[in-house]
PDB file of all heavy atoms in Angstrom:
ATOM      1  N   LEU A   1       6.130  -4.530  15.935  1.00  0.00           N
ATOM      2  CA  LEU A   1       5.733  -5.561  14.983  1.00  0.00           C
ATOM      3  C   LEU A   1       4.371  -6.143  15.348  1.00  0.00           C
ATOM      4  O   LEU A   1       4.040  -6.298  16.515  1.00  0.00           O
ATOM      5  CB  LEU A   1       6.769  -6.685  14.958  1.00  0.00           C
ATOM      6  CG  LEU A   1       8.221  -6.288  14.684  1.00  0.00           C
ATOM      7  CD1 LEU A   1       9.113  -7.514  14.684  1.00  0.00           C
ATOM      8  CD2 LEU A   1       8.338  -5.545  13.367  1.00  0.00           C
ATOM      9  N   ARG A   2       3.591  -6.482  14.307  1.00  0.00           N
ATOM     10  CA  ARG A   2       2.302  -7.112  14.534  1.00  0.00           C
ATOM     11  C   ARG A   2       1.870  -7.801  13.239  1.00  0.00           C
ATOM     12  O   ARG A   2       2.210  -7.335  12.138  1.00  0.00           O
ATOM     13  CB  ARG A   2       1.252  -6.081  14.960  1.00  0.00           C
ATOM     14  CG  ARG A   2       0.984  -5.042  13.890  1.00  0.00           C
ATOM     15  CD  ARG A   2       0.058  -3.931  14.349  1.00  0.00           C
ATOM     16  NE  ARG A   2      -0.047  -2.917  13.304  1.00  0.00           N
ATOM     17  CZ  ARG A   2       0.842  -1.957  13.109  1.00  0.00           C
ATOM     18  NH1 ARG A   2       1.911  -1.872  13.900  1.00  0.00           N
ATOM     19  NH2 ARG A   2       0.689  -1.081  12.134  1.00  0.00           N
ATOM     20  N   PRO A   3       1.104  -8.875  13.324  1.00  0.00           N
ATOM     21  CA  PRO A   3       0.599  -9.522  12.104  1.00  0.00           C
ATOM     22  C   PRO A   3      -0.488  -8.679  11.465  1.00  0.00           C
ATOM     23  O   PRO A   3      -1.273  -8.015  12.158  1.00  0.00           O
ATOM     24  CB  PRO A   3       0.048 -10.859  12.622  1.00  0.00           C
ATOM     25  CG  PRO A   3      -0.285 -10.587  14.049  1.00  0.00           C
ATOM     26  CD  PRO A   3       0.727  -9.604  14.545  1.00  0.00           C
ATOM     27  N   ALA A   4      -0.538  -8.682  10.141  1.00  0.00           N
ATOM     28  CA  ALA A   4      -1.562  -7.924   9.424  1.00  0.00           C
ATOM     29  C   ALA A   4      -2.919  -8.578   9.615  1.00  0.00           C
ATOM     30  O   ALA A   4      -3.032  -9.801   9.727  1.00  0.00           O
ATOM     31  CB  ALA A   4      -1.218  -7.846   7.937  1.00  0.00           C
ATOM     32  N   THR A   5      -3.961  -7.762   9.657  1.00  0.00           N
ATOM     33  CA  THR A   5      -5.322  -8.276   9.808  1.00  0.00           C
ATOM     34  C   THR A   5      -5.676  -9.194   8.645  1.00  0.00           C
ATOM     35  O   THR A   5      -5.499  -8.840   7.478  1.00  0.00           O
ATOM     36  CB  THR A   5      -6.334  -7.115   9.861  1.00  0.00           C
ATOM     37  OG1 THR A   5      -5.967  -6.234  10.935  1.00  0.00           O
ATOM     38  CG2 THR A   5      -7.742  -7.621  10.093  1.00  0.00           C
ATOM     39  N   ASN A   6      -6.157 -10.387   8.981  1.00  0.00           N
ATOM     40  CA  ASN A   6      -6.555 -11.410   7.998  1.00  0.00           C
ATOM     41  C   ASN A   6      -5.379 -11.987   7.217  1.00  0.00           C
ATOM     42  O   ASN A   6      -5.579 -12.809   6.314  1.00  0.00           O
ATOM     43  CB  ASN A   6      -7.585 -10.856   7.001  1.00  0.00           C
ATOM     44  CG  ASN A   6      -8.864 -10.424   7.676  1.00  0.00           C
ATOM     45  OD1 ASN A   6      -9.284 -11.015   8.677  1.00  0.00           O
ATOM     46  ND2 ASN A   6      -9.497  -9.379   7.158  1.00  0.00           N
ATOM     47  N   ARG A   7      -4.126 -11.555   7.534  1.00  0.00           N
ATOM     48  CA  ARG A   7      -2.961 -12.083   6.832  1.00  0.00           C
ATOM     49  C   ARG A   7      -1.824 -12.289   7.840  1.00  0.00           C
ATOM     50  O   ARG A   7      -0.886 -11.494   7.905  1.00  0.00           O
ATOM     51  CB  ARG A   7      -2.522 -11.138   5.720  1.00  0.00           C
ATOM     52  CG  ARG A   7      -3.546 -10.983   4.595  1.00  0.00           C
ATOM     53  CD  ARG A   7      -2.992 -10.127   3.470  1.00  0.00           C
ATOM     54  NE  ARG A   7      -2.662  -8.800   3.945  1.00  0.00           N
ATOM     55  CZ  ARG A   7      -1.710  -8.033   3.413  1.00  0.00           C
ATOM     56  NH1 ARG A   7      -0.978  -8.482   2.427  1.00  0.00           N
ATOM     57  NH2 ARG A   7      -1.479  -6.818   3.887  1.00  0.00           N
ATOM     58  N   PRO A   8      -1.888 -13.333   8.645  1.00  0.00           N
ATOM     59  CA  PRO A   8      -0.887 -13.536   9.704  1.00  0.00           C
ATOM     60  C   PRO A   8       0.529 -13.753   9.189  1.00  0.00           C
ATOM     61  O   PRO A   8       1.490 -13.605   9.949  1.00  0.00           O
ATOM     62  CB  PRO A   8      -1.404 -14.780  10.440  1.00  0.00           C
ATOM     63  CG  PRO A   8      -2.291 -15.474   9.453  1.00  0.00           C
ATOM     64  CD  PRO A   8      -2.916 -14.390   8.636  1.00  0.00           C
ATOM     65  N   ASP A   9       0.677 -14.091   7.915  1.00  0.00           N
ATOM     66  CA  ASP A   9       2.019 -14.286   7.364  1.00  0.00           C
ATOM     67  C   ASP A   9       2.707 -12.962   7.050  1.00  0.00           C
ATOM     68  O   ASP A   9       3.920 -12.929   6.826  1.00  0.00           O
ATOM     69  CB  ASP A   9       1.953 -15.132   6.088  1.00  0.00           C
ATOM     70  CG  ASP A   9       1.043 -14.513   5.031  1.00  0.00           C
ATOM     71  OD1 ASP A   9      -0.058 -14.070   5.405  1.00  0.00           O
ATOM     72  OD2 ASP A   9       1.429 -14.489   3.863  1.00  0.00           O
ATOM     73  N   ILE A  10       1.958 -11.862   7.023  1.00  0.00           N
ATOM     74  CA  ILE A  10       2.522 -10.530   6.778  1.00  0.00           C
ATOM     75  C   ILE A  10       2.745  -9.834   8.115  1.00  0.00           C
ATOM     76  O   ILE A  10       1.810  -9.692   8.907  1.00  0.00           O
ATOM     77  CB  ILE A  10       1.590  -9.681   5.892  1.00  0.00           C
ATOM     78  CG1 ILE A  10       1.349 -10.373   4.542  1.00  0.00           C
ATOM     79  CG2 ILE A  10       2.169  -8.289   5.682  1.00  0.00           C
ATOM     80  CD1 ILE A  10       2.596 -10.541   3.705  1.00  0.00           C
ATOM     81  N   VAL A  11       3.977  -9.384   8.370  1.00  0.00           N
ATOM     82  CA  VAL A  11       4.311  -8.713   9.623  1.00  0.00           C
ATOM     83  C   VAL A  11       4.448  -7.216   9.361  1.00  0.00           C
ATOM     84  O   VAL A  11       5.311  -6.794   8.587  1.00  0.00           O
ATOM     85  CB  VAL A  11       5.613  -9.265  10.229  1.00  0.00           C
ATOM     86  CG1 VAL A  11       5.968  -8.515  11.514  1.00  0.00           C
ATOM     87  CG2 VAL A  11       5.479 -10.754  10.503  1.00  0.00           C
ATOM     88  N   GLU A  12       3.590  -6.426  10.003  1.00  0.00           N
ATOM     89  CA  GLU A  12       3.627  -4.972   9.845  1.00  0.00           C
ATOM     90  C   GLU A  12       4.646  -4.363  10.788  1.00  0.00           C
ATOM     91  O   GLU A  12       4.871  -4.850  11.896  1.00  0.00           O
ATOM     92  CB  GLU A  12       2.249  -4.381  10.131  1.00  0.00           C
ATOM     93  CG  GLU A  12       1.163  -4.897   9.209  1.00  0.00           C
ATOM     94  CD  GLU A  12      -0.212  -4.363   9.557  1.00  0.00           C
ATOM     95  OE1 GLU A  12      -0.386  -3.870  10.695  1.00  0.00           O
ATOM     96  OE2 GLU A  12      -1.112  -4.446   8.700  1.00  0.00           O
ATOM     97  N   ILE A  13       5.259  -3.260  10.349  1.00  0.00           N
ATOM     98  CA  ILE A  13       6.247  -2.541  11.159  1.00  0.00           C
ATOM     99  C   ILE A  13       5.747  -1.112  11.346  1.00  0.00           C
ATOM    100  O   ILE A  13       5.652  -0.346  10.389  1.00  0.00           O
ATOM    101  CB  ILE A  13       7.631  -2.523  10.488  1.00  0.00           C
ATOM    102  CG1 ILE A  13       8.106  -3.950  10.205  1.00  0.00           C
ATOM    103  CG2 ILE A  13       8.642  -1.784  11.354  1.00  0.00           C
ATOM    104  CD1 ILE A  13       9.403  -4.017   9.439  1.00  0.00           C
ATOM    105  N   GLY A  14       5.427  -0.739  12.584  1.00  0.00           N
ATOM    106  CA  GLY A  14       4.964   0.608  12.847  1.00  0.00           C
ATOM    107  C   GLY A  14       3.555   0.852  12.343  1.00  0.00           C
ATOM    108  O   GLY A  14       2.859  -0.068  11.892  1.00  0.00           O
ATOM    109  N   ALA A  15       3.136   2.108  12.402  1.00  0.00           N
ATOM    110  CA  ALA A  15       1.778   2.482  12.018  1.00  0.00           C
ATOM    111  C   ALA A  15       1.701   2.788  10.529  1.00  0.00           C
ATOM    112  O   ALA A  15       2.679   3.223   9.927  1.00  0.00           O
ATOM    113  CB  ALA A  15       1.326   3.707  12.818  1.00  0.00           C
ATOM    114  N   PRO A  16       0.528   2.572   9.914  1.00  0.00           N
ATOM    115  CA  PRO A  16       0.360   2.952   8.499  1.00  0.00           C
ATOM    116  C   PRO A  16       0.350   4.462   8.349  1.00  0.00           C
ATOM    117  O   PRO A  16       0.017   5.188   9.287  1.00  0.00           O
ATOM    118  CB  PRO A  16      -0.998   2.351   8.128  1.00  0.00           C
ATOM    119  CG  PRO A  16      -1.740   2.288   9.429  1.00  0.00           C
ATOM    120  CD  PRO A  16      -0.708   1.996  10.482  1.00  0.00           C
ATOM    121  N   VAL A  17       0.720   4.935   7.168  1.00  0.00           N
ATOM    122  CA  VAL A  17       0.763   6.377   6.884  1.00  0.00           C
ATOM    123  C   VAL A  17      -0.192   6.671   5.734  1.00  0.00           C
ATOM    124  O   VAL A  17      -0.046   6.125   4.640  1.00  0.00           O
ATOM    125  CB  VAL A  17       2.190   6.820   6.506  1.00  0.00           C
ATOM    126  CG1 VAL A  17       2.212   8.311   6.161  1.00  0.00           C
ATOM    127  CG2 VAL A  17       3.169   6.533   7.634  1.00  0.00           C
ATOM    128  N   MET A  18      -1.178   7.537   5.985  1.00  0.00           N
ATOM    129  CA  MET A  18      -2.099   7.922   4.925  1.00  0.00           C
ATOM    130  C   MET A  18      -1.375   8.798   3.910  1.00  0.00           C
ATOM    131  O   MET A  18      -0.533   9.617   4.276  1.00  0.00           O
ATOM    132  CB  MET A  18      -3.295   8.677   5.498  1.00  0.00           C
ATOM    133  CG  MET A  18      -4.307   7.789   6.167  1.00  0.00           C
ATOM    134  SD  MET A  18      -5.833   8.683   6.544  1.00  0.00           S
ATOM    135  CE  MET A  18      -6.786   7.345   7.285  1.00  0.00           C
ATOM    136  N   ILE A  19      -1.693   8.616   2.640  1.00  0.00           N
ATOM    137  CA  ILE A  19      -1.027   9.372   1.586  1.00  0.00           C
ATOM    138  C   ILE A  19      -2.049  10.119   0.749  1.00  0.00           C
ATOM    139  O   ILE A  19      -3.218   9.726   0.658  1.00  0.00           O
ATOM    140  CB  ILE A  19      -0.172   8.452   0.685  1.00  0.00           C
ATOM    141  CG1 ILE A  19      -1.034   7.373   0.022  1.00  0.00           C
ATOM    142  CG2 ILE A  19       0.966   7.836   1.470  1.00  0.00           C
ATOM    143  CD1 ILE A  19      -0.269   6.521  -0.992  1.00  0.00           C
ATOM    144  N   SER A  20      -1.594  11.192   0.130  1.00  0.00           N
ATOM    145  CA  SER A  20      -2.450  12.009  -0.724  1.00  0.00           C
ATOM    146  C   SER A  20      -2.588  11.349  -2.098  1.00  0.00           C
ATOM    147  O   SER A  20      -1.876  10.394  -2.436  1.00  0.00           O
ATOM    148  CB  SER A  20      -1.844  13.402  -0.888  1.00  0.00           C
ATOM    149  OG  SER A  20      -0.622  13.313  -1.603  1.00  0.00           O
ATOM    150  N   ARG A  21      -3.489  11.903  -2.896  1.00  0.00           N
ATOM    151  CA  ARG A  21      -3.654  11.391  -4.261  1.00  0.00           C
ATOM    152  C   ARG A  21      -2.382  11.601  -5.076  1.00  0.00           C
ATOM    153  O   ARG A  21      -2.005  10.765  -5.897  1.00  0.00           O
ATOM    154  CB  ARG A  21      -4.841  12.076  -4.945  1.00  0.00           C
ATOM    155  CG  ARG A  21      -5.036  11.630  -6.385  1.00  0.00           C
ATOM    156  CD  ARG A  21      -6.335  12.143  -6.950  1.00  0.00           C
ATOM    157  NE  ARG A  21      -7.461  11.610  -6.227  1.00  0.00           N
ATOM    158  CZ  ARG A  21      -8.724  11.954  -6.478  1.00  0.00           C
ATOM    159  NH1 ARG A  21      -8.984  12.841  -7.416  1.00  0.00           N
ATOM    160  NH2 ARG A  21      -9.716  11.424  -5.786  1.00  0.00           N
ATOM    161  N   GLU A  22      -1.694  12.709  -4.825  1.00  0.00           N
ATOM    162  CA  GLU A  22      -0.454  12.980  -5.554  1.00  0.00           C
ATOM    163  C   GLU A  22       0.596  11.903  -5.264  1.00  0.00           C
ATOM    164  O   GLU A  22       1.278  11.423  -6.169  1.00  0.00           O
ATOM    165  CB  GLU A  22       0.075  14.360  -5.168  1.00  0.00           C
ATOM    166  CG  GLU A  22       1.288  14.803  -5.982  1.00  0.00           C
ATOM    167  CD  GLU A  22       1.694  16.231  -5.664  1.00  0.00           C
ATOM    168  OE1 GLU A  22       0.942  16.911  -4.948  1.00  0.00           O
ATOM    169  OE2 GLU A  22       2.755  16.647  -6.143  1.00  0.00           O
ATOM    170  N   MET A  23       0.717  11.511  -3.994  1.00  0.00           N
ATOM    171  CA  MET A  23       1.665  10.459  -3.642  1.00  0.00           C
ATOM    172  C   MET A  23       1.206   9.111  -4.182  1.00  0.00           C
ATOM    173  O   MET A  23       2.013   8.273  -4.574  1.00  0.00           O
ATOM    174  CB  MET A  23       1.841  10.398  -2.127  1.00  0.00           C
ATOM    175  CG  MET A  23       2.501  11.636  -1.541  1.00  0.00           C
ATOM    176  SD  MET A  23       2.656  11.581   0.267  1.00  0.00           S
ATOM    177  CE  MET A  23       3.875  10.281   0.439  1.00  0.00           C
ATOM    178  N   LEU A  24      -0.112   8.905  -4.213  1.00  0.00           N
ATOM    179  CA  LEU A  24      -0.635   7.661  -4.769  1.00  0.00           C
ATOM    180  C   LEU A  24      -0.329   7.566  -6.260  1.00  0.00           C
ATOM    181  O   LEU A  24      -0.050   6.482  -6.783  1.00  0.00           O
ATOM    182  CB  LEU A  24      -2.145   7.576  -4.528  1.00  0.00           C
ATOM    183  CG  LEU A  24      -2.849   6.303  -5.021  1.00  0.00           C
ATOM    184  CD1 LEU A  24      -2.197   5.059  -4.444  1.00  0.00           C
ATOM    185  CD2 LEU A  24      -4.336   6.351  -4.656  1.00  0.00           C
ATOM    186  N   ARG A  25      -0.369   8.687  -6.964  1.00  0.00           N
ATOM    187  CA  ARG A  25      -0.003   8.691  -8.385  1.00  0.00           C
ATOM    188  C   ARG A  25       1.431   8.190  -8.568  1.00  0.00           C
ATOM    189  O   ARG A  25       1.731   7.455  -9.519  1.00  0.00           O
ATOM    190  CB  ARG A  25      -0.133  10.101  -8.965  1.00  0.00           C
ATOM    191  CG  ARG A  25      -1.551  10.617  -9.137  1.00  0.00           C
ATOM    192  CD  ARG A  25      -1.509  11.972  -9.817  1.00  0.00           C
ATOM    193  NE  ARG A  25      -2.780  12.675  -9.742  1.00  0.00           N
ATOM    194  CZ  ARG A  25      -3.785  12.494 -10.591  1.00  0.00           C
ATOM    195  NH1 ARG A  25      -3.661  11.630 -11.577  1.00  0.00           N
ATOM    196  NH2 ARG A  25      -4.915  13.181 -10.463  1.00  0.00           N
ATOM    197  N   ARG A  26       2.330   8.624  -7.690  1.00  0.00           N
ATOM    198  CA  ARG A  26       3.724   8.189  -7.804  1.00  0.00           C
ATOM    199  C   ARG A  26       3.840   6.672  -7.630  1.00  0.00           C
ATOM    200  O   ARG A  26       4.617   6.008  -8.319  1.00  0.00           O
ATOM    201  CB  ARG A  26       4.577   8.907  -6.763  1.00  0.00           C
ATOM    202  CG  ARG A  26       4.613  10.409  -6.926  1.00  0.00           C
ATOM    203  CD  ARG A  26       5.708  11.024  -6.062  1.00  0.00           C
ATOM    204  NE  ARG A  26       5.585  12.474  -6.045  1.00  0.00           N
ATOM    205  CZ  ARG A  26       5.238  13.181  -4.977  1.00  0.00           C
ATOM    206  NH1 ARG A  26       4.988  12.560  -3.842  1.00  0.00           N
ATOM    207  NH2 ARG A  26       5.153  14.486  -5.033  1.00  0.00           N
ATOM    208  N   GLU A  27       3.061   6.143  -6.682  1.00  0.00           N
ATOM    209  CA  GLU A  27       3.083   4.696  -6.482  1.00  0.00           C
ATOM    210  C   GLU A  27       2.481   3.972  -7.687  1.00  0.00           C
ATOM    211  O   GLU A  27       2.911   2.863  -8.028  1.00  0.00           O
ATOM    212  CB  GLU A  27       2.328   4.325  -5.204  1.00  0.00           C
ATOM    213  CG  GLU A  27       3.036   4.726  -3.930  1.00  0.00           C
ATOM    214  CD  GLU A  27       4.415   4.125  -3.815  1.00  0.00           C
ATOM    215  OE1 GLU A  27       4.598   2.957  -4.218  1.00  0.00           O
ATOM    216  OE2 GLU A  27       5.339   4.812  -3.344  1.00  0.00           O
ATOM    217  N   MET A  28       1.510   4.584  -8.337  1.00  0.00           N
ATOM    218  CA  MET A  28       0.930   3.988  -9.536  1.00  0.00           C
ATOM    219  C   MET A  28       1.982   3.888 -10.642  1.00  0.00           C
ATOM    220  O   MET A  28       1.995   2.928 -11.426  1.00  0.00           O
ATOM    221  CB  MET A  28      -0.259   4.812 -10.011  1.00  0.00           C
ATOM    222  CG  MET A  28      -1.472   4.732  -9.090  1.00  0.00           C
ATOM    223  SD  MET A  28      -2.712   6.013  -9.426  1.00  0.00           S
ATOM    224  CE  MET A  28      -3.225   5.556 -11.086  1.00  0.00           C
ATOM    225  N   ASP A  29       2.871   4.877 -10.719  1.00  0.00           N
ATOM    226  CA  ASP A  29       3.941   4.830 -11.714  1.00  0.00           C
ATOM    227  C   ASP A  29       4.939   3.716 -11.411  1.00  0.00           C
ATOM    228  O   ASP A  29       5.640   3.239 -12.304  1.00  0.00           O
ATOM    229  CB  ASP A  29       4.687   6.169 -11.754  1.00  0.00           C
ATOM    230  CG  ASP A  29       3.833   7.289 -12.339  1.00  0.00           C
ATOM    231  OD1 ASP A  29       2.884   6.960 -13.081  1.00  0.00           O
ATOM    232  OD2 ASP A  29       4.115   8.472 -12.048  1.00  0.00           O
ATOM    233  N   ARG A  30       5.008   3.298 -10.142  1.00  0.00           N
ATOM    234  CA  ARG A  30       5.951   2.251  -9.743  1.00  0.00           C
ATOM    235  C   ARG A  30       5.316   0.865  -9.725  1.00  0.00           C
ATOM    236  O   ARG A  30       5.998  -0.124  -9.472  1.00  0.00           O
ATOM    237  CB  ARG A  30       6.498   2.551  -8.336  1.00  0.00           C
ATOM    238  CG  ARG A  30       7.212   3.885  -8.197  1.00  0.00           C
ATOM    239  CD  ARG A  30       7.797   4.007  -6.807  1.00  0.00           C
ATOM    240  NE  ARG A  30       8.412   5.302  -6.600  1.00  0.00           N
ATOM    241  CZ  ARG A  30       7.918   6.262  -5.812  1.00  0.00           C
ATOM    242  NH1 ARG A  30       6.797   6.033  -5.158  1.00  0.00           N
ATOM    243  NH2 ARG A  30       8.534   7.412  -5.671  1.00  0.00           N
ATOM    244  N   ASN A  31       4.004   0.789  -9.935  1.00  0.00           N
ATOM    245  CA  ASN A  31       3.305  -0.485  -9.817  1.00  0.00           C
ATOM    246  C   ASN A  31       2.212  -0.551 -10.885  1.00  0.00           C
ATOM    247  O   ASN A  31       1.162   0.082 -10.766  1.00  0.00           O
ATOM    248  CB  ASN A  31       2.692  -0.604  -8.418  1.00  0.00           C
ATOM    249  CG  ASN A  31       2.136  -1.976  -8.129  1.00  0.00           C
ATOM    250  OD1 ASN A  31       1.593  -2.642  -9.004  1.00  0.00           O
ATOM    251  ND2 ASN A  31       2.254  -2.409  -6.885  1.00  0.00           N
ATOM    252  N   THR A  32       2.467  -1.299 -11.948  1.00  0.00           N
ATOM    253  CA  THR A  32       1.534  -1.359 -13.075  1.00  0.00           C
ATOM    254  C   THR A  32       0.182  -1.939 -12.674  1.00  0.00           C
ATOM    255  O   THR A  32      -0.853  -1.513 -13.195  1.00  0.00           O
ATOM    256  CB  THR A  32       2.139  -2.200 -14.209  1.00  0.00           C
ATOM    257  OG1 THR A  32       2.548  -3.486 -13.685  1.00  0.00           O
ATOM    258  CG2 THR A  32       3.342  -1.510 -14.823  1.00  0.00           C
ATOM    259  N   GLU A  33       0.171  -2.917 -11.788  1.00  0.00           N
ATOM    260  CA  GLU A  33      -1.087  -3.532 -11.361  1.00  0.00           C
ATOM    261  C   GLU A  33      -1.948  -2.523 -10.592  1.00  0.00           C
ATOM    262  O   GLU A  33      -3.160  -2.442 -10.782  1.00  0.00           O
ATOM    263  CB  GLU A  33      -0.805  -4.749 -10.487  1.00  0.00           C
ATOM    264  CG  GLU A  33      -2.038  -5.506 -10.025  1.00  0.00           C
ATOM    265  CD  GLU A  33      -2.677  -6.330 -11.122  1.00  0.00           C
ATOM    266  OE1 GLU A  33      -2.072  -6.445 -12.206  1.00  0.00           O
ATOM    267  OE2 GLU A  33      -3.783  -6.860 -10.897  1.00  0.00           O
ATOM    268  N   LEU A  34      -1.309  -1.745  -9.720  1.00  0.00           N
ATOM    269  CA  LEU A  34      -2.013  -0.699  -8.978  1.00  0.00           C
ATOM    270  C   LEU A  34      -2.578   0.346  -9.932  1.00  0.00           C
ATOM    271  O   LEU A  34      -3.730   0.773  -9.798  1.00  0.00           O
ATOM    272  CB  LEU A  34      -1.046  -0.051  -7.982  1.00  0.00           C
ATOM    273  CG  LEU A  34      -1.550   1.176  -7.224  1.00  0.00           C
ATOM    274  CD1 LEU A  34      -2.714   0.802  -6.308  1.00  0.00           C
ATOM    275  CD2 LEU A  34      -0.402   1.807  -6.423  1.00  0.00           C
ATOM    276  N   HIS A  35      -1.779   0.758 -10.892  1.00  0.00           N
ATOM    277  CA  HIS A  35      -2.221   1.748 -11.872  1.00  0.00           C
ATOM    278  C   HIS A  35      -3.429   1.245 -12.651  1.00  0.00           C
ATOM    279  O   HIS A  35      -4.417   1.969 -12.848  1.00  0.00           O
ATOM    280  CB  HIS A  35      -1.077   2.079 -12.825  1.00  0.00           C
ATOM    281  CG  HIS A  35      -1.430   3.108 -13.853  1.00  0.00           C
ATOM    282  ND1 HIS A  35      -2.152   2.808 -14.990  1.00  0.00           N
ATOM    283  CD2 HIS A  35      -1.181   4.441 -13.910  1.00  0.00           C
ATOM    284  CE1 HIS A  35      -2.318   3.901 -15.709  1.00  0.00           C
ATOM    285  NE2 HIS A  35      -1.743   4.907 -15.070  1.00  0.00           N
ATOM    286  N   GLU A  36      -3.370   0.013 -13.097  1.00  0.00           N
ATOM    287  CA  GLU A  36      -4.449  -0.527 -13.920  1.00  0.00           C
ATOM    288  C   GLU A  36      -5.739  -0.661 -13.108  1.00  0.00           C
ATOM    289  O   GLU A  36      -6.832  -0.384 -13.620  1.00  0.00           O
ATOM    290  CB  GLU A  36      -4.039  -1.893 -14.478  1.00  0.00           C
ATOM    291  CG  GLU A  36      -5.052  -2.530 -15.426  1.00  0.00           C
ATOM    292  CD  GLU A  36      -5.285  -1.701 -16.688  1.00  0.00           C
ATOM    293  OE1 GLU A  36      -4.464  -0.801 -16.982  1.00  0.00           O
ATOM    294  OE2 GLU A  36      -6.283  -1.968 -17.388  1.00  0.00           O
ATOM    295  N   TYR A  37      -5.629  -1.065 -11.854  1.00  0.00           N
ATOM    296  CA  TYR A  37      -6.838  -1.226 -11.040  1.00  0.00           C
ATOM    297  C   TYR A  37      -7.537   0.119 -10.837  1.00  0.00           C
ATOM    298  O   TYR A  37      -8.768   0.224 -11.004  1.00  0.00           O
ATOM    299  CB  TYR A  37      -6.496  -1.849  -9.691  1.00  0.00           C
ATOM    300  CG  TYR A  37      -7.726  -2.199  -8.898  1.00  0.00           C
ATOM    301  CD1 TYR A  37      -8.305  -3.457  -9.006  1.00  0.00           C
ATOM    302  CD2 TYR A  37      -8.334  -1.267  -8.065  1.00  0.00           C
ATOM    303  CE1 TYR A  37      -9.467  -3.777  -8.306  1.00  0.00           C
ATOM    304  CE2 TYR A  37      -9.494  -1.577  -7.362  1.00  0.00           C
ATOM    305  CZ  TYR A  37     -10.051  -2.835  -7.485  1.00  0.00           C
ATOM    306  OH  TYR A  37     -11.203  -3.138  -6.797  1.00  0.00           O
ATOM    307  N   ILE A  38      -6.788   1.148 -10.487  1.00  0.00           N
ATOM    308  CA  ILE A  38      -7.390   2.461 -10.262  1.00  0.00           C
ATOM    309  C   ILE A  38      -7.934   3.036 -11.568  1.00  0.00           C
ATOM    310  O   ILE A  38      -8.964   3.704 -11.586  1.00  0.00           O
ATOM    311  CB  ILE A  38      -6.363   3.412  -9.612  1.00  0.00           C
ATOM    312  CG1 ILE A  38      -6.043   2.928  -8.197  1.00  0.00           C
ATOM    313  CG2 ILE A  38      -6.880   4.846  -9.579  1.00  0.00           C
ATOM    314  CD1 ILE A  38      -5.015   3.758  -7.473  1.00  0.00           C
ATOM    315  N   ARG A  39      -7.256   2.754 -12.678  1.00  0.00           N
ATOM    316  CA  ARG A  39      -7.750   3.230 -13.971  1.00  0.00           C
ATOM    317  C   ARG A  39      -9.121   2.631 -14.279  1.00  0.00           C
ATOM    318  O   ARG A  39     -10.013   3.317 -14.795  1.00  0.00           O
ATOM    319  CB  ARG A  39      -6.767   2.864 -15.084  1.00  0.00           C
ATOM    320  CG  ARG A  39      -7.142   3.431 -16.447  1.00  0.00           C
ATOM    321  CD  ARG A  39      -6.269   2.855 -17.546  1.00  0.00           C
ATOM    322  NE  ARG A  39      -6.567   1.455 -17.784  1.00  0.00           N
ATOM    323  CZ  ARG A  39      -7.590   1.016 -18.524  1.00  0.00           C
ATOM    324  NH1 ARG A  39      -8.429   1.888 -19.081  1.00  0.00           N
ATOM    325  NH2 ARG A  39      -7.792  -0.273 -18.698  1.00  0.00           N
TER     326      ARG A  39
END
C-alpha cells in the first residue's frame, strides 16, 4: 500500500499495469467520461 502521488487520500495497491489500446477500448465502453475525453 502507498498513497497516490499528489492525492494522499487515494491508497494504491501494488504496481500499476500498462494496458494496450485494445484493453483501453474496453475500459472506454465501461466509462462514458473516459470515452468522451479520448474521443
